[in-house]
Amino acid sequence: MKNETKRRIDVAANTEAGGLFRRPRPARISRDELKALVALLESSDTSLMRFGNAVSVHPAVLQHILRAANSSLMGSVTEISDATRATLYLGTRRVLYLLSTLPSEMIEEENAEKLSTL
């Protein structure tokens, strides 16, 4: 009984200290890379395959787009697993909206990076 109680306390301590059960931080994308993705999508001569390949380099952005494409609101019957199909399914206007509304913790500011190297 005492060992079980001690084990519960250890698990709780790991959780509070950011140990075993800590959620991983999302990968970050620089503001310049985000602008390049937006420009790529807005360009009339860019294929969706090229945009899909560019997005697949950034896992956090890819996850954001795939989550929207596979949401129950979109009503997809099959699971969408790549950025090209997700962009085709959602449409460029929705993907542009998703890119413009990325959470701030996903966007890496260049000034903060320069300060940290000093």
N, C-alpha and C. Protein backbone atom coordinates (compact mmCIF):
# COMPACT_ATOMS: atom_id res chain seq x y z
N MET A 1 0.82 -1.19 0.00
CA MET A 1 0.00 0.00 0.00
C MET A 1 0.87 1.25 0.00
N LYS A 2 1.92 1.26 0.81
CA LYS A 2 2.80 2.43 0.87
C LYS A 2 3.52 2.66 -0.45
N ASN A 3 3.93 1.58 -1.10
CA ASN A 3 4.62 1.71 -2.39
C ASN A 3 3.70 2.31 -3.45
N GLU A 4 2.43 1.91 -3.42
CA GLU A 4 1.47 2.43 -4.39
C GLU A 4 1.26 3.93 -4.19
N THR A 5 1.16 4.36 -2.93
CA THR A 5 0.99 5.78 -2.63
C THR A 5 2.22 6.57 -3.06
N LYS A 6 3.41 6.02 -2.79
CA LYS A 6 4.65 6.68 -3.19
C LYS A 6 4.72 6.80 -4.72
N ARG A 7 4.29 5.74 -5.42
CA ARG A 7 4.30 5.75 -6.87
C ARG A 7 3.37 6.83 -7.42
N ARG A 8 2.21 7.01 -6.83
CA ARG A 8 1.27 8.06 -7.25
C ARG A 8 1.87 9.43 -7.05
N ILE A 9 2.56 9.64 -5.96
CA ILE A 9 3.19 10.93 -5.69
C ILE A 9 4.28 11.19 -6.72
N ASP A 10 5.08 10.16 -7.05
CA ASP A 10 6.14 10.33 -8.04
C ASP A 10 5.57 10.68 -9.41
N VAL A 11 4.48 10.04 -9.80
CA VAL A 11 3.85 10.35 -11.08
C VAL A 11 3.32 11.77 -11.08
N ALA A 12 2.71 12.19 -9.97
CA ALA A 12 2.20 13.55 -9.88
C ALA A 12 3.34 14.56 -9.94
N ALA A 13 4.45 14.26 -9.31
CA ALA A 13 5.61 15.16 -9.35
C ALA A 13 6.16 15.27 -10.76
N ASN A 14 6.23 14.15 -11.48
CA ASN A 14 6.69 14.19 -12.86
C ASN A 14 5.76 15.01 -13.74
N THR A 15 4.47 14.92 -13.49
CA THR A 15 3.51 15.66 -14.28
C THR A 15 3.66 17.15 -14.05
N GLU A 16 3.78 17.56 -12.80
CA GLU A 16 3.90 18.98 -12.48
C GLU A 16 5.22 19.56 -12.95
N ALA A 17 6.27 18.79 -12.89
CA ALA A 17 7.59 19.29 -13.26
C ALA A 17 7.83 19.22 -14.77
N GLY A 18 6.85 18.76 -15.51
CA GLY A 18 7.02 18.66 -16.95
C GLY A 18 7.77 17.41 -17.35
N GLY A 19 7.63 16.38 -16.59
CA GLY A 19 8.35 15.14 -16.83
C GLY A 19 7.67 14.26 -17.85
N LEU A 20 7.29 13.11 -17.43
CA LEU A 20 6.79 12.04 -18.28
C LEU A 20 5.56 12.43 -19.10
N PHE A 21 4.66 13.18 -18.52
CA PHE A 21 3.38 13.47 -19.17
C PHE A 21 3.31 14.86 -19.78
N ARG A 22 4.44 15.48 -19.98
CA ARG A 22 4.46 16.82 -20.55
C ARG A 22 4.11 16.77 -22.03
N ARG A 23 3.29 17.69 -22.48
CA ARG A 23 2.96 17.77 -23.91
C ARG A 23 4.13 18.37 -24.65
N PRO A 24 4.49 17.79 -25.78
CA PRO A 24 5.61 18.35 -26.55
C PRO A 24 5.24 19.71 -27.12
N ARG A 25 6.24 20.58 -27.17
CA ARG A 25 6.02 21.89 -27.78
C ARG A 25 5.88 21.72 -29.27
N PRO A 26 4.98 22.47 -29.87
CA PRO A 26 4.84 22.34 -31.33
C PRO A 26 6.08 22.91 -32.02
N ALA A 27 6.41 22.34 -33.15
CA ALA A 27 7.52 22.86 -33.95
C ALA A 27 7.17 24.28 -34.37
N ARG A 28 8.18 25.07 -34.56
CA ARG A 28 7.93 26.47 -34.88
C ARG A 28 8.34 26.75 -36.33
N ILE A 29 7.71 27.75 -36.89
CA ILE A 29 8.02 28.19 -38.25
C ILE A 29 8.37 29.67 -38.18
N SER A 30 9.39 30.08 -38.90
CA SER A 30 9.76 31.48 -38.87
C SER A 30 8.75 32.31 -39.67
N ARG A 31 8.69 33.57 -39.35
CA ARG A 31 7.76 34.46 -40.04
C ARG A 31 8.06 34.51 -41.54
N ASP A 32 9.35 34.49 -41.90
CA ASP A 32 9.73 34.53 -43.31
C ASP A 32 9.28 33.27 -44.04
N GLU A 33 9.42 32.10 -43.40
CA GLU A 33 8.97 30.86 -44.03
C GLU A 33 7.45 30.85 -44.19
N LEU A 34 6.75 31.41 -43.21
CA LEU A 34 5.30 31.50 -43.30
C LEU A 34 4.87 32.41 -44.45
N LYS A 35 5.57 33.54 -44.60
CA LYS A 35 5.28 34.44 -45.72
C LYS A 35 5.55 33.76 -47.06
N ALA A 36 6.60 32.93 -47.11
CA ALA A 36 6.92 32.22 -48.34
C ALA A 36 5.82 31.21 -48.68
N LEU A 37 5.28 30.54 -47.67
CA LEU A 37 4.19 29.59 -47.91
C LEU A 37 2.95 30.31 -48.43
N VAL A 38 2.65 31.46 -47.85
CA VAL A 38 1.49 32.25 -48.28
C VAL A 38 1.69 32.71 -49.73
N ALA A 39 2.89 33.20 -50.03
CA ALA A 39 3.18 33.67 -51.40
C ALA A 39 3.09 32.51 -52.38
N LEU A 40 3.56 31.35 -51.97
CA LEU A 40 3.51 30.17 -52.83
C LEU A 40 2.07 29.78 -53.13
N LEU A 41 1.22 29.85 -52.13
CA LEU A 41 -0.18 29.47 -52.31
C LEU A 41 -0.94 30.52 -53.12
N GLU A 42 -0.58 31.78 -52.97
CA GLU A 42 -1.26 32.85 -53.70
C GLU A 42 -0.80 32.95 -55.16
N SER A 43 0.36 32.39 -55.45
CA SER A 43 0.90 32.45 -56.80
C SER A 43 0.02 31.63 -57.75
N SER A 44 -0.25 32.20 -58.91
CA SER A 44 -1.14 31.53 -59.86
C SER A 44 -0.46 30.38 -60.60
N ASP A 45 0.88 30.38 -60.62
CA ASP A 45 1.57 29.33 -61.36
C ASP A 45 2.13 28.21 -60.47
N THR A 46 1.73 28.18 -59.20
CA THR A 46 2.19 27.14 -58.28
C THR A 46 1.21 25.98 -58.27
N SER A 47 1.73 24.77 -58.38
CA SER A 47 0.87 23.60 -58.29
C SER A 47 0.63 23.25 -56.82
N LEU A 48 -0.45 22.55 -56.57
CA LEU A 48 -0.74 22.12 -55.20
C LEU A 48 0.28 21.10 -54.72
N MET A 49 0.86 20.35 -55.63
CA MET A 49 1.91 19.40 -55.25
C MET A 49 3.12 20.14 -54.68
N ARG A 50 3.49 21.23 -55.33
CA ARG A 50 4.64 22.01 -54.85
C ARG A 50 4.34 22.61 -53.48
N PHE A 51 3.14 23.14 -53.30
CA PHE A 51 2.75 23.68 -52.01
C PHE A 51 2.73 22.58 -50.95
N GLY A 52 2.19 21.42 -51.30
CA GLY A 52 2.15 20.29 -50.37
C GLY A 52 3.54 19.87 -49.93
N ASN A 53 4.48 19.85 -50.86
CA ASN A 53 5.86 19.50 -50.52
C ASN A 53 6.48 20.55 -49.60
N ALA A 54 6.18 21.82 -49.84
CA ALA A 54 6.72 22.89 -48.99
C ALA A 54 6.14 22.84 -47.59
N VAL A 55 4.87 22.52 -47.46
CA VAL A 55 4.22 22.45 -46.15
C VAL A 55 4.71 21.23 -45.37
N SER A 56 4.99 20.14 -46.05
CA SER A 56 5.37 18.92 -45.36
C SER A 56 6.70 19.06 -44.62
N VAL A 57 7.48 20.08 -44.91
CA VAL A 57 8.73 20.34 -44.20
C VAL A 57 8.45 20.89 -42.80
N HIS A 58 7.29 21.49 -42.60
CA HIS A 58 6.92 22.11 -41.33
C HIS A 58 5.82 21.29 -40.66
N PRO A 59 6.18 20.39 -39.75
CA PRO A 59 5.19 19.48 -39.17
C PRO A 59 4.05 20.17 -38.43
N ALA A 60 4.33 21.28 -37.76
CA ALA A 60 3.27 21.95 -37.01
C ALA A 60 2.22 22.55 -37.94
N VAL A 61 2.67 23.14 -39.04
CA VAL A 61 1.75 23.72 -40.02
C VAL A 61 0.97 22.61 -40.71
N LEU A 62 1.66 21.54 -41.05
CA LEU A 62 1.01 20.39 -41.67
C LEU A 62 -0.07 19.82 -40.76
N GLN A 63 0.24 19.69 -39.49
CA GLN A 63 -0.74 19.17 -38.53
C GLN A 63 -1.95 20.09 -38.43
N HIS A 64 -1.71 21.39 -38.45
CA HIS A 64 -2.80 22.38 -38.37
C HIS A 64 -3.75 22.24 -39.57
N ILE A 65 -3.18 22.09 -40.76
CA ILE A 65 -3.98 21.96 -41.98
C ILE A 65 -4.71 20.62 -42.01
N LEU A 66 -4.02 19.54 -41.65
CA LEU A 66 -4.65 18.22 -41.67
C LEU A 66 -5.75 18.11 -40.63
N ARG A 67 -5.55 18.74 -39.48
CA ARG A 67 -6.60 18.72 -38.45
C ARG A 67 -7.87 19.39 -38.97
N ALA A 68 -7.71 20.49 -39.68
CA ALA A 68 -8.88 21.18 -40.24
C ALA A 68 -9.55 20.34 -41.32
N ALA A 69 -8.75 19.73 -42.17
CA ALA A 69 -9.31 18.92 -43.26
C ALA A 69 -10.04 17.68 -42.74
N ASN A 70 -9.57 17.12 -41.65
CA ASN A 70 -10.17 15.90 -41.10
C ASN A 70 -11.19 16.18 -40.01
N SER A 71 -11.52 17.43 -39.78
CA SER A 71 -12.49 17.75 -38.72
C SER A 71 -13.89 17.27 -39.13
N SER A 72 -14.70 17.04 -38.15
CA SER A 72 -16.06 16.57 -38.43
C SER A 72 -16.89 17.64 -39.13
N LEU A 73 -16.53 18.90 -38.98
CA LEU A 73 -17.25 19.97 -39.66
C LEU A 73 -17.10 19.89 -41.18
N MET A 74 -15.97 19.37 -41.62
CA MET A 74 -15.73 19.27 -43.06
C MET A 74 -16.44 18.06 -43.66
N GLY A 75 -16.75 17.08 -42.85
CA GLY A 75 -17.53 15.94 -43.31
C GLY A 75 -16.81 15.00 -44.25
N SER A 76 -15.51 14.89 -44.13
CA SER A 76 -14.76 13.98 -44.98
C SER A 76 -15.08 12.53 -44.61
N VAL A 77 -15.28 11.72 -45.62
CA VAL A 77 -15.59 10.31 -45.39
C VAL A 77 -14.30 9.53 -45.13
N THR A 78 -13.23 9.88 -45.84
CA THR A 78 -11.94 9.20 -45.66
C THR A 78 -10.96 10.14 -44.98
N GLU A 79 -9.95 9.56 -44.36
CA GLU A 79 -8.94 10.38 -43.69
C GLU A 79 -7.99 10.98 -44.72
N ILE A 80 -7.74 12.26 -44.58
CA ILE A 80 -6.81 12.96 -45.46
C ILE A 80 -5.47 13.00 -44.75
N SER A 81 -4.42 12.53 -45.44
CA SER A 81 -3.14 12.37 -44.76
C SER A 81 -1.98 13.15 -45.38
N ASP A 82 -2.22 13.91 -46.43
CA ASP A 82 -1.14 14.72 -46.99
C ASP A 82 -1.63 16.12 -47.30
N ALA A 83 -0.69 17.06 -47.34
CA ALA A 83 -1.03 18.48 -47.49
C ALA A 83 -1.64 18.79 -48.85
N THR A 84 -1.23 18.09 -49.88
CA THR A 84 -1.79 18.35 -51.21
C THR A 84 -3.28 18.05 -51.25
N ARG A 85 -3.66 16.89 -50.76
CA ARG A 85 -5.08 16.52 -50.74
C ARG A 85 -5.87 17.43 -49.79
N ALA A 86 -5.25 17.80 -48.67
CA ALA A 86 -5.94 18.67 -47.72
C ALA A 86 -6.20 20.05 -48.34
N THR A 87 -5.22 20.58 -49.07
CA THR A 87 -5.39 21.88 -49.71
C THR A 87 -6.44 21.79 -50.82
N LEU A 88 -6.43 20.71 -51.56
CA LEU A 88 -7.44 20.51 -52.60
C LEU A 88 -8.82 20.41 -51.98
N TYR A 89 -8.93 19.70 -50.87
CA TYR A 89 -10.21 19.49 -50.20
C TYR A 89 -10.73 20.77 -49.54
N LEU A 90 -9.83 21.49 -48.84
CA LEU A 90 -10.24 22.70 -48.13
C LEU A 90 -10.39 23.91 -49.05
N GLY A 91 -9.55 23.97 -50.07
CA GLY A 91 -9.53 25.14 -50.93
C GLY A 91 -8.44 26.10 -50.48
N THR A 92 -7.91 26.84 -51.42
CA THR A 92 -6.79 27.72 -51.10
C THR A 92 -7.20 28.85 -50.16
N ARG A 93 -8.42 29.33 -50.28
CA ARG A 93 -8.86 30.42 -49.41
C ARG A 93 -8.89 29.99 -47.94
N ARG A 94 -9.38 28.78 -47.67
CA ARG A 94 -9.40 28.29 -46.28
C ARG A 94 -8.00 28.03 -45.76
N VAL A 95 -7.12 27.50 -46.62
CA VAL A 95 -5.75 27.24 -46.17
C VAL A 95 -5.03 28.55 -45.91
N LEU A 96 -5.28 29.56 -46.73
CA LEU A 96 -4.70 30.88 -46.45
C LEU A 96 -5.20 31.42 -45.11
N TYR A 97 -6.47 31.22 -44.82
CA TYR A 97 -7.02 31.63 -43.53
C TYR A 97 -6.34 30.87 -42.39
N LEU A 98 -6.15 29.57 -42.56
CA LEU A 98 -5.48 28.78 -41.53
C LEU A 98 -4.05 29.25 -41.30
N LEU A 99 -3.35 29.59 -42.38
CA LEU A 99 -1.99 30.09 -42.24
C LEU A 99 -1.95 31.45 -41.54
N SER A 100 -2.96 32.27 -41.80
CA SER A 100 -2.98 33.60 -41.17
C SER A 100 -3.42 33.56 -39.72
N THR A 101 -4.01 32.45 -39.29
CA THR A 101 -4.48 32.36 -37.91
C THR A 101 -3.71 31.31 -37.10
N LEU A 102 -2.47 31.04 -37.50
CA LEU A 102 -1.65 30.12 -36.71
C LEU A 102 -1.45 30.67 -35.31
N PRO A 103 -1.45 29.82 -34.30
CA PRO A 103 -1.21 30.30 -32.93
C PRO A 103 0.18 30.95 -32.82
N SER A 104 0.29 31.97 -32.01
CA SER A 104 1.54 32.72 -31.90
C SER A 104 2.70 31.86 -31.40
N GLU A 105 2.42 30.81 -30.62
CA GLU A 105 3.51 29.97 -30.14
C GLU A 105 4.11 29.10 -31.25
N MET A 106 3.46 29.04 -32.40
CA MET A 106 3.99 28.30 -33.53
C MET A 106 4.87 29.16 -34.43
N ILE A 107 4.80 30.48 -34.26
CA ILE A 107 5.54 31.39 -35.13
C ILE A 107 6.76 31.89 -34.37
N GLU A 108 7.91 31.69 -34.98
CA GLU A 108 9.17 32.11 -34.38
C GLU A 108 9.51 33.51 -34.87
N GLU A 109 9.70 34.39 -33.95
CA GLU A 109 10.05 35.77 -34.30
C GLU A 109 11.56 35.89 -34.49
N GLU A 110 11.99 36.57 -35.52
CA GLU A 110 13.41 36.70 -35.82
C GLU A 110 14.13 37.52 -34.76
N ASN A 111 13.48 38.57 -34.23
CA ASN A 111 14.13 39.42 -33.23
C ASN A 111 14.45 38.65 -31.97
N ALA A 112 13.59 37.76 -31.56
CA ALA A 112 13.83 36.95 -30.36
C ALA A 112 15.03 36.02 -30.59
N GLU A 113 15.14 35.51 -31.80
CA GLU A 113 16.25 34.62 -32.12
C GLU A 113 17.58 35.38 -32.11
N LYS A 114 17.58 36.62 -32.63
CA LYS A 114 18.80 37.42 -32.65
C LYS A 114 19.24 37.78 -31.24
N LEU A 115 18.29 38.08 -30.35
CA LEU A 115 18.63 38.41 -28.98
C LEU A 115 19.23 37.23 -28.25
N SER A 116 18.76 36.04 -28.53
CA SER A 116 19.24 34.87 -27.83
C SER A 116 20.66 34.50 -28.25
N THR A 117 21.10 34.92 -29.43
CA THR A 117 22.46 34.60 -29.88
C THR A 117 23.48 35.59 -29.36
N LEU A 118 23.04 36.71 -28.80
CA LEU A 118 23.98 37.71 -28.26
C LEU A 118 24.58 37.29 -26.97
